[in-house]
Amino acid sequence: MKREKSTATELIGSQIEVCSSTNPCDVGLKGKVADETKETLVILLARGHKRLLKKNIIFIVGSKKIKGSSLRRRPEDRIKGK
């Protein structure tokens, strides 16, 4: 089975911007990642927090564009390289 390449980095605390989403209301959201699970990201916004499904979004961290679907593993397993 071919393994999808993913980003082996911690996202919690990173500033992200959603550049594409299946939900048009999510496009353009900017905030700090407060929590991450296997399937979701929670970002802190000026007006509260928002939980986003990874499989539905493409986001920018720094200058890197990342498909949320490539991160659909537990964060601790992704960082360890499992």
PDB file of N, CA and C in Angstrom:
ATOM      1  N   MET A   1       0.850  -1.169   0.000  1.00  0.00           N
ATOM      2  CA  MET A   1       0.000   0.000   0.000  1.00  0.00           C
ATOM      3  C   MET A   1       0.902   1.241   0.000  1.00  0.00           C
ATOM      4  N   LYS A   2       0.618   2.182  -0.880  1.00  0.00           N
ATOM      5  CA  LYS A   2       1.397   3.409  -0.958  1.00  0.00           C
ATOM      6  C   LYS A   2       0.941   4.369   0.121  1.00  0.00           C
ATOM      7  N   ARG A   3       1.886   4.902   0.860  1.00  0.00           N
ATOM      8  CA  ARG A   3       1.582   5.813   1.963  1.00  0.00           C
ATOM      9  C   ARG A   3       1.588   7.251   1.451  1.00  0.00           C
ATOM     10  N   GLU A   4       0.554   7.995   1.794  1.00  0.00           N
ATOM     11  CA  GLU A   4       0.466   9.388   1.386  1.00  0.00           C
ATOM     12  C   GLU A   4       1.469  10.223   2.159  1.00  0.00           C
ATOM     13  N   LYS A   5       2.178  11.077   1.441  1.00  0.00           N
ATOM     14  CA  LYS A   5       3.165  11.952   2.076  1.00  0.00           C
ATOM     15  C   LYS A   5       2.443  12.966   2.946  1.00  0.00           C
ATOM     16  N   SER A   6       2.930  13.164   4.153  1.00  0.00           N
ATOM     17  CA  SER A   6       2.298  14.128   5.051  1.00  0.00           C
ATOM     18  C   SER A   6       3.346  15.005   5.716  1.00  0.00           C
ATOM     19  N   THR A   7       2.893  16.033   6.353  1.00  0.00           N
ATOM     20  CA  THR A   7       3.760  16.959   7.043  1.00  0.00           C
ATOM     21  C   THR A   7       3.977  16.461   8.470  1.00  0.00           C
ATOM     22  N   ALA A   8       5.226  16.191   8.816  1.00  0.00           N
ATOM     23  CA  ALA A   8       5.536  15.708  10.162  1.00  0.00           C
ATOM     24  C   ALA A   8       5.917  16.890  11.040  1.00  0.00           C
ATOM     25  N   THR A   9       4.937  17.688  11.378  1.00  0.00           N
ATOM     26  CA  THR A   9       5.183  18.850  12.213  1.00  0.00           C
ATOM     27  C   THR A   9       3.996  19.071  13.135  1.00  0.00           C
ATOM     28  N   GLU A  10       4.254  19.739  14.218  1.00  0.00           N
ATOM     29  CA  GLU A  10       3.197  20.070  15.168  1.00  0.00           C
ATOM     30  C   GLU A  10       2.448  21.290  14.652  1.00  0.00           C
ATOM     31  N   LEU A  11       1.139  21.214  14.566  1.00  0.00           N
ATOM     32  CA  LEU A  11       0.330  22.336  14.093  1.00  0.00           C
ATOM     33  C   LEU A  11      -0.218  23.188  15.223  1.00  0.00           C
ATOM     34  N   ILE A  12      -0.349  22.626  16.417  1.00  0.00           N
ATOM     35  CA  ILE A  12      -0.916  23.386  17.527  1.00  0.00           C
ATOM     36  C   ILE A  12      -0.020  24.593  17.813  1.00  0.00           C
ATOM     37  N   GLY A  13      -0.645  25.756  17.826  1.00  0.00           N
ATOM     38  CA  GLY A  13       0.072  27.005  18.029  1.00  0.00           C
ATOM     39  C   GLY A  13       0.422  27.722  16.734  1.00  0.00           C
ATOM     40  N   SER A  14       0.260  27.045  15.605  1.00  0.00           N
ATOM     41  CA  SER A  14       0.574  27.654  14.310  1.00  0.00           C
ATOM     42  C   SER A  14      -0.572  28.526  13.818  1.00  0.00           C
ATOM     43  N   GLN A  15      -0.229  29.593  13.107  1.00  0.00           N
ATOM     44  CA  GLN A  15      -1.224  30.428  12.450  1.00  0.00           C
ATOM     45  C   GLN A  15      -1.548  29.784  11.105  1.00  0.00           C
ATOM     46  N   ILE A  16      -2.837  29.615  10.803  1.00  0.00           N
ATOM     47  CA  ILE A  16      -3.232  29.050   9.518  1.00  0.00           C
ATOM     48  C   ILE A  16      -4.281  29.945   8.858  1.00  0.00           C
ATOM     49  N   GLU A  17      -4.400  29.764   7.549  1.00  0.00           N
ATOM     50  CA  GLU A  17      -5.451  30.421   6.785  1.00  0.00           C
ATOM     51  C   GLU A  17      -6.058  29.379   5.854  1.00  0.00           C
ATOM     52  N   VAL A  18      -7.378  29.255   5.866  1.00  0.00           N
ATOM     53  CA  VAL A  18      -8.070  28.309   5.000  1.00  0.00           C
ATOM     54  C   VAL A  18      -8.190  28.941   3.615  1.00  0.00           C
ATOM     55  N   CYS A  19      -7.588  28.297   2.604  1.00  0.00           N
ATOM     56  CA  CYS A  19      -7.636  28.859   1.254  1.00  0.00           C
ATOM     57  C   CYS A  19      -8.626  28.133   0.361  1.00  0.00           C
ATOM     58  N   SER A  20      -9.067  26.939   0.760  1.00  0.00           N
ATOM     59  CA  SER A  20     -10.057  26.193  -0.013  1.00  0.00           C
ATOM     60  C   SER A  20     -10.822  25.274   0.937  1.00  0.00           C
ATOM     61  N   SER A  21     -12.119  25.145   0.684  1.00  0.00           N
ATOM     62  CA  SER A  21     -12.945  24.297   1.540  1.00  0.00           C
ATOM     63  C   SER A  21     -14.203  23.895   0.791  1.00  0.00           C
ATOM     64  N   THR A  22     -14.758  22.744   1.161  1.00  0.00           N
ATOM     65  CA  THR A  22     -16.037  22.347   0.591  1.00  0.00           C
ATOM     66  C   THR A  22     -17.160  23.206   1.150  1.00  0.00           C
ATOM     67  N   ASN A  23     -16.905  23.872   2.286  1.00  0.00           N
ATOM     68  CA  ASN A  23     -17.856  24.813   2.875  1.00  0.00           C
ATOM     69  C   ASN A  23     -17.363  26.229   2.559  1.00  0.00           C
ATOM     70  N   PRO A  24     -18.052  26.951   1.683  1.00  0.00           N
ATOM     71  CA  PRO A  24     -17.585  28.289   1.303  1.00  0.00           C
ATOM     72  C   PRO A  24     -17.458  29.259   2.480  1.00  0.00           C
ATOM     73  N   CYS A  25     -18.175  29.044   3.551  1.00  0.00           N
ATOM     74  CA  CYS A  25     -18.084  29.916   4.731  1.00  0.00           C
ATOM     75  C   CYS A  25     -16.732  29.793   5.439  1.00  0.00           C
ATOM     76  N   ASP A  26     -16.023  28.690   5.237  1.00  0.00           N
ATOM     77  CA  ASP A  26     -14.738  28.475   5.892  1.00  0.00           C
ATOM     78  C   ASP A  26     -13.571  29.121   5.148  1.00  0.00           C
ATOM     79  N   VAL A  27     -13.736  29.397   3.856  1.00  0.00           N
ATOM     80  CA  VAL A  27     -12.656  29.979   3.056  1.00  0.00           C
ATOM     81  C   VAL A  27     -12.306  31.366   3.605  1.00  0.00           C
ATOM     82  N   GLY A  28     -11.021  31.588   3.817  1.00  0.00           N
ATOM     83  CA  GLY A  28     -10.547  32.873   4.326  1.00  0.00           C
ATOM     84  C   GLY A  28     -10.410  32.943   5.833  1.00  0.00           C
ATOM     85  N   LEU A  29     -10.856  31.912   6.559  1.00  0.00           N
ATOM     86  CA  LEU A  29     -10.702  31.921   8.014  1.00  0.00           C
ATOM     87  C   LEU A  29      -9.221  31.911   8.370  1.00  0.00           C
ATOM     88  N   LYS A  30      -8.844  32.753   9.319  1.00  0.00           N
ATOM     89  CA  LYS A  30      -7.461  32.826   9.794  1.00  0.00           C
ATOM     90  C   LYS A  30      -7.474  32.704  11.306  1.00  0.00           C
ATOM     91  N   GLY A  31      -6.548  31.938  11.829  1.00  0.00           N
ATOM     92  CA  GLY A  31      -6.470  31.817  13.269  1.00  0.00           C
ATOM     93  C   GLY A  31      -5.347  30.906  13.705  1.00  0.00           C
ATOM     94  N   LYS A  32      -5.236  30.747  15.009  1.00  0.00           N
ATOM     95  CA  LYS A  32      -4.207  29.902  15.612  1.00  0.00           C
ATOM     96  C   LYS A  32      -4.818  28.536  15.914  1.00  0.00           C
ATOM     97  N   VAL A  33      -4.095  27.466  15.579  1.00  0.00           N
ATOM     98  CA  VAL A  33      -4.567  26.117  15.854  1.00  0.00           C
ATOM     99  C   VAL A  33      -4.504  25.881  17.360  1.00  0.00           C
ATOM    100  N   ALA A  34      -5.672  25.601  17.949  1.00  0.00           N
ATOM    101  CA  ALA A  34      -5.767  25.380  19.390  1.00  0.00           C
ATOM    102  C   ALA A  34      -5.745  23.898  19.743  1.00  0.00           C
ATOM    103  N   ASP A  35      -6.258  23.063  18.838  1.00  0.00           N
ATOM    104  CA  ASP A  35      -6.327  21.624  19.101  1.00  0.00           C
ATOM    105  C   ASP A  35      -6.376  20.898  17.775  1.00  0.00           C
ATOM    106  N   GLU A  36      -5.940  19.647  17.802  1.00  0.00           N
ATOM    107  CA  GLU A  36      -5.955  18.818  16.604  1.00  0.00           C
ATOM    108  C   GLU A  36      -6.303  17.393  17.004  1.00  0.00           C
ATOM    109  N   THR A  37      -7.188  16.776  16.247  1.00  0.00           N
ATOM    110  CA  THR A  37      -7.495  15.356  16.403  1.00  0.00           C
ATOM    111  C   THR A  37      -7.208  14.679  15.073  1.00  0.00           C
ATOM    112  N   LYS A  38      -7.507  13.408  14.989  1.00  0.00           N
ATOM    113  CA  LYS A  38      -7.284  12.664  13.747  1.00  0.00           C
ATOM    114  C   LYS A  38      -8.048  13.292  12.585  1.00  0.00           C
ATOM    115  N   GLU A  39      -9.251  13.750  12.823  1.00  0.00           N
ATOM    116  CA  GLU A  39     -10.123  14.229  11.750  1.00  0.00           C
ATOM    117  C   GLU A  39     -10.354  15.734  11.720  1.00  0.00           C
ATOM    118  N   THR A  40      -9.980  16.464  12.788  1.00  0.00           N
ATOM    119  CA  THR A  40     -10.344  17.884  12.860  1.00  0.00           C
ATOM    120  C   THR A  40      -9.198  18.778  13.326  1.00  0.00           C
ATOM    121  N   LEU A  41      -9.370  20.062  13.027  1.00  0.00           N
ATOM    122  CA  LEU A  41      -8.536  21.127  13.582  1.00  0.00           C
ATOM    123  C   LEU A  41      -9.469  22.098  14.272  1.00  0.00           C
ATOM    124  N   VAL A  42      -9.082  22.586  15.443  1.00  0.00           N
ATOM    125  CA  VAL A  42      -9.832  23.649  16.117  1.00  0.00           C
ATOM    126  C   VAL A  42      -8.968  24.891  16.026  1.00  0.00           C
ATOM    127  N   ILE A  43      -9.523  25.962  15.429  1.00  0.00           N
ATOM    128  CA  ILE A  43      -8.763  27.195  15.334  1.00  0.00           C
ATOM    129  C   ILE A  43      -9.433  28.294  16.145  1.00  0.00           C
ATOM    130  N   LEU A  44      -8.593  29.103  16.780  1.00  0.00           N
ATOM    131  CA  LEU A  44      -9.082  30.251  17.554  1.00  0.00           C
ATOM    132  C   LEU A  44      -9.208  31.444  16.619  1.00  0.00           C
ATOM    133  N   LEU A  45     -10.387  32.024  16.604  1.00  0.00           N
ATOM    134  CA  LEU A  45     -10.667  33.200  15.800  1.00  0.00           C
ATOM    135  C   LEU A  45     -10.861  34.392  16.718  1.00  0.00           C
ATOM    136  N   ALA A  46     -10.936  35.568  16.166  1.00  0.00           N
ATOM    137  CA  ALA A  46     -11.184  36.765  16.972  1.00  0.00           C
ATOM    138  C   ALA A  46     -12.528  36.670  17.683  1.00  0.00           C
ATOM    139  N   ARG A  47     -13.477  35.946  17.107  1.00  0.00           N
ATOM    140  CA  ARG A  47     -14.832  35.858  17.657  1.00  0.00           C
ATOM    141  C   ARG A  47     -15.157  34.490  18.273  1.00  0.00           C
ATOM    142  N   GLY A  48     -14.164  33.737  18.638  1.00  0.00           N
ATOM    143  CA  GLY A  48     -14.411  32.428  19.244  1.00  0.00           C
ATOM    144  C   GLY A  48     -13.519  31.369  18.636  1.00  0.00           C
ATOM    145  N   HIS A  49     -14.049  30.153  18.522  1.00  0.00           N
ATOM    146  CA  HIS A  49     -13.280  29.077  17.914  1.00  0.00           C
ATOM    147  C   HIS A  49     -14.138  28.351  16.888  1.00  0.00           C
ATOM    148  N   LYS A  50     -13.473  27.624  16.003  1.00  0.00           N
ATOM    149  CA  LYS A  50     -14.159  26.912  14.928  1.00  0.00           C
ATOM    150  C   LYS A  50     -13.482  25.570  14.744  1.00  0.00           C
ATOM    151  N   ARG A  51     -14.280  24.504  14.651  1.00  0.00           N
ATOM    152  CA  ARG A  51     -13.760  23.162  14.392  1.00  0.00           C
ATOM    153  C   ARG A  51     -13.943  22.872  12.906  1.00  0.00           C
ATOM    154  N   LEU A  52     -12.857  22.504  12.240  1.00  0.00           N
ATOM    155  CA  LEU A  52     -12.861  22.241  10.808  1.00  0.00           C
ATOM    156  C   LEU A  52     -12.499  20.784  10.543  1.00  0.00           C
ATOM    157  N   LEU A  53     -13.198  20.162   9.612  1.00  0.00           N
ATOM    158  CA  LEU A  53     -12.845  18.808   9.195  1.00  0.00           C
ATOM    159  C   LEU A  53     -11.639  18.880   8.273  1.00  0.00           C
ATOM    160  N   LYS A  54     -10.600  18.129   8.586  1.00  0.00           N
ATOM    161  CA  LYS A  54      -9.379  18.156   7.782  1.00  0.00           C
ATOM    162  C   LYS A  54      -9.651  17.748   6.337  1.00  0.00           C
ATOM    163  N   LYS A  55     -10.511  16.739   6.139  1.00  0.00           N
ATOM    164  CA  LYS A  55     -10.732  16.220   4.794  1.00  0.00           C
ATOM    165  C   LYS A  55     -11.378  17.252   3.872  1.00  0.00           C
ATOM    166  N   ASN A  56     -11.962  18.300   4.429  1.00  0.00           N
ATOM    167  CA  ASN A  56     -12.677  19.291   3.625  1.00  0.00           C
ATOM    168  C   ASN A  56     -11.872  20.536   3.291  1.00  0.00           C
ATOM    169  N   ILE A  57     -10.655  20.682   3.822  1.00  0.00           N
ATOM    170  CA  ILE A  57      -9.962  21.964   3.666  1.00  0.00           C
ATOM    171  C   ILE A  57      -8.551  21.830   3.084  1.00  0.00           C
ATOM    172  N   ILE A  58      -8.116  22.916   2.501  1.00  0.00           N
ATOM    173  CA  ILE A  58      -6.719  23.136   2.138  1.00  0.00           C
ATOM    174  C   ILE A  58      -6.350  24.429   2.840  1.00  0.00           C
ATOM    175  N   PHE A  59      -5.222  24.437   3.553  1.00  0.00           N
ATOM    176  CA  PHE A  59      -4.866  25.614   4.324  1.00  0.00           C
ATOM    177  C   PHE A  59      -3.396  25.964   4.148  1.00  0.00           C
ATOM    178  N   ILE A  60      -3.072  27.183   4.548  1.00  0.00           N
ATOM    179  CA  ILE A  60      -1.711  27.686   4.439  1.00  0.00           C
ATOM    180  C   ILE A  60      -1.136  27.850   5.845  1.00  0.00           C
ATOM    181  N   VAL A  61       0.065  27.303   6.045  1.00  0.00           N
ATOM    182  CA  VAL A  61       0.824  27.484   7.285  1.00  0.00           C
ATOM    183  C   VAL A  61       2.153  28.085   6.855  1.00  0.00           C
ATOM    184  N   GLY A  62       2.423  29.305   7.293  1.00  0.00           N
ATOM    185  CA  GLY A  62       3.627  30.000   6.826  1.00  0.00           C
ATOM    186  C   GLY A  62       3.500  30.246   5.332  1.00  0.00           C
ATOM    187  N   SER A  63       4.395  29.657   4.559  1.00  0.00           N
ATOM    188  CA  SER A  63       4.326  29.784   3.099  1.00  0.00           C
ATOM    189  C   SER A  63       3.987  28.455   2.445  1.00  0.00           C
ATOM    190  N   LYS A  64       3.564  27.479   3.248  1.00  0.00           N
ATOM    191  CA  LYS A  64       3.298  26.125   2.757  1.00  0.00           C
ATOM    192  C   LYS A  64       1.801  25.860   2.670  1.00  0.00           C
ATOM    193  N   LYS A  65       1.354  25.374   1.515  1.00  0.00           N
ATOM    194  CA  LYS A  65      -0.046  25.000   1.320  1.00  0.00           C
ATOM    195  C   LYS A  65      -0.183  23.505   1.618  1.00  0.00           C
ATOM    196  N   ILE A  66      -1.140  23.156   2.494  1.00  0.00           N
ATOM    197  CA  ILE A  66      -1.294  21.776   2.949  1.00  0.00           C
ATOM    198  C   ILE A  66      -2.731  21.305   2.745  1.00  0.00           C
ATOM    199  N   LYS A  67      -2.877  20.122   2.161  1.00  0.00           N
ATOM    200  CA  LYS A  67      -4.191  19.489   2.068  1.00  0.00           C
ATOM    201  C   LYS A  67      -4.488  18.847   3.410  1.00  0.00           C
ATOM    202  N   GLY A  68      -5.613  19.193   3.986  1.00  0.00           N
ATOM    203  CA  GLY A  68      -5.995  18.623   5.272  1.00  0.00           C
ATOM    204  C   GLY A  68      -6.100  17.105   5.222  1.00  0.00           C
ATOM    205  N   SER A  69      -6.512  16.579   4.069  1.00  0.00           N
ATOM    206  CA  SER A  69      -6.668  15.123   3.938  1.00  0.00           C
ATOM    207  C   SER A  69      -5.332  14.393   4.067  1.00  0.00           C
ATOM    208  N   SER A  70      -4.216  15.070   3.805  1.00  0.00           N
ATOM    209  CA  SER A  70      -2.907  14.423   3.946  1.00  0.00           C
ATOM    210  C   SER A  70      -2.491  14.303   5.410  1.00  0.00           C
ATOM    211  N   LEU A  71      -3.225  14.967   6.309  1.00  0.00           N
ATOM    212  CA  LEU A  71      -2.911  14.946   7.743  1.00  0.00           C
ATOM    213  C   LEU A  71      -3.893  14.100   8.537  1.00  0.00           C
ATOM    214  N   ARG A  72      -4.678  13.277   7.882  1.00  0.00           N
ATOM    215  CA  ARG A  72      -5.733  12.541   8.576  1.00  0.00           C
ATOM    216  C   ARG A  72      -5.168  11.325   9.315  1.00  0.00           C
ATOM    217  N   ARG A  73      -4.315  11.613  10.266  1.00  0.00           N
ATOM    218  CA  ARG A  73      -3.804  10.626  11.219  1.00  0.00           C
ATOM    219  C   ARG A  73      -3.730  11.318  12.558  1.00  0.00           C
ATOM    220  N   ARG A  74      -3.594  10.542  13.601  1.00  0.00           N
ATOM    221  CA  ARG A  74      -3.428  11.154  14.918  1.00  0.00           C
ATOM    222  C   ARG A  74      -2.151  11.975  14.906  1.00  0.00           C
ATOM    223  N   PRO A  75      -2.204  13.189  15.454  1.00  0.00           N
ATOM    224  CA  PRO A  75      -1.020  14.053  15.411  1.00  0.00           C
ATOM    225  C   PRO A  75       0.220  13.412  16.002  1.00  0.00           C
ATOM    226  N   GLU A  76       0.074  12.693  17.099  1.00  0.00           N
ATOM    227  CA  GLU A  76       1.227  12.081  17.734  1.00  0.00           C
ATOM    228  C   GLU A  76       1.845  10.985  16.859  1.00  0.00           C
ATOM    229  N   ASP A  77       1.039  10.265  16.082  1.00  0.00           N
ATOM    230  CA  ASP A  77       1.567   9.255  15.174  1.00  0.00           C
ATOM    231  C   ASP A  77       2.251   9.901  13.976  1.00  0.00           C
ATOM    232  N   ARG A  78       1.690  11.007  13.501  1.00  0.00           N
ATOM    233  CA  ARG A  78       2.267  11.711  12.352  1.00  0.00           C
ATOM    234  C   ARG A  78       3.660  12.252  12.710  1.00  0.00           C
ATOM    235  N   ILE A  79       3.794  12.809  13.904  1.00  0.00           N
ATOM    236  CA  ILE A  79       5.064  13.394  14.318  1.00  0.00           C
ATOM    237  C   ILE A  79       6.119  12.313  14.553  1.00  0.00           C
ATOM    238  N   LYS A  80       5.709  11.160  15.113  1.00  0.00           N
ATOM    239  CA  LYS A  80       6.628  10.053  15.343  1.00  0.00           C
ATOM    240  C   LYS A  80       7.049   9.383  14.049  1.00  0.00           C
ATOM    241  N   GLY A  81       6.240   9.556  12.979  1.00  0.00           N
ATOM    242  CA  GLY A  81       6.567   8.927  11.698  1.00  0.00           C
ATOM    243  C   GLY A  81       5.970   7.543  11.536  1.00  0.00           C
ATOM    244  N   LYS A  82       4.959   7.209  12.318  1.00  0.00           N
ATOM    245  CA  LYS A  82       4.312   5.890  12.225  1.00  0.00           C
ATOM    246  C   LYS A  82       3.367   5.848  11.062  1.00  0.00           C
TER     247      LYS A  82
END
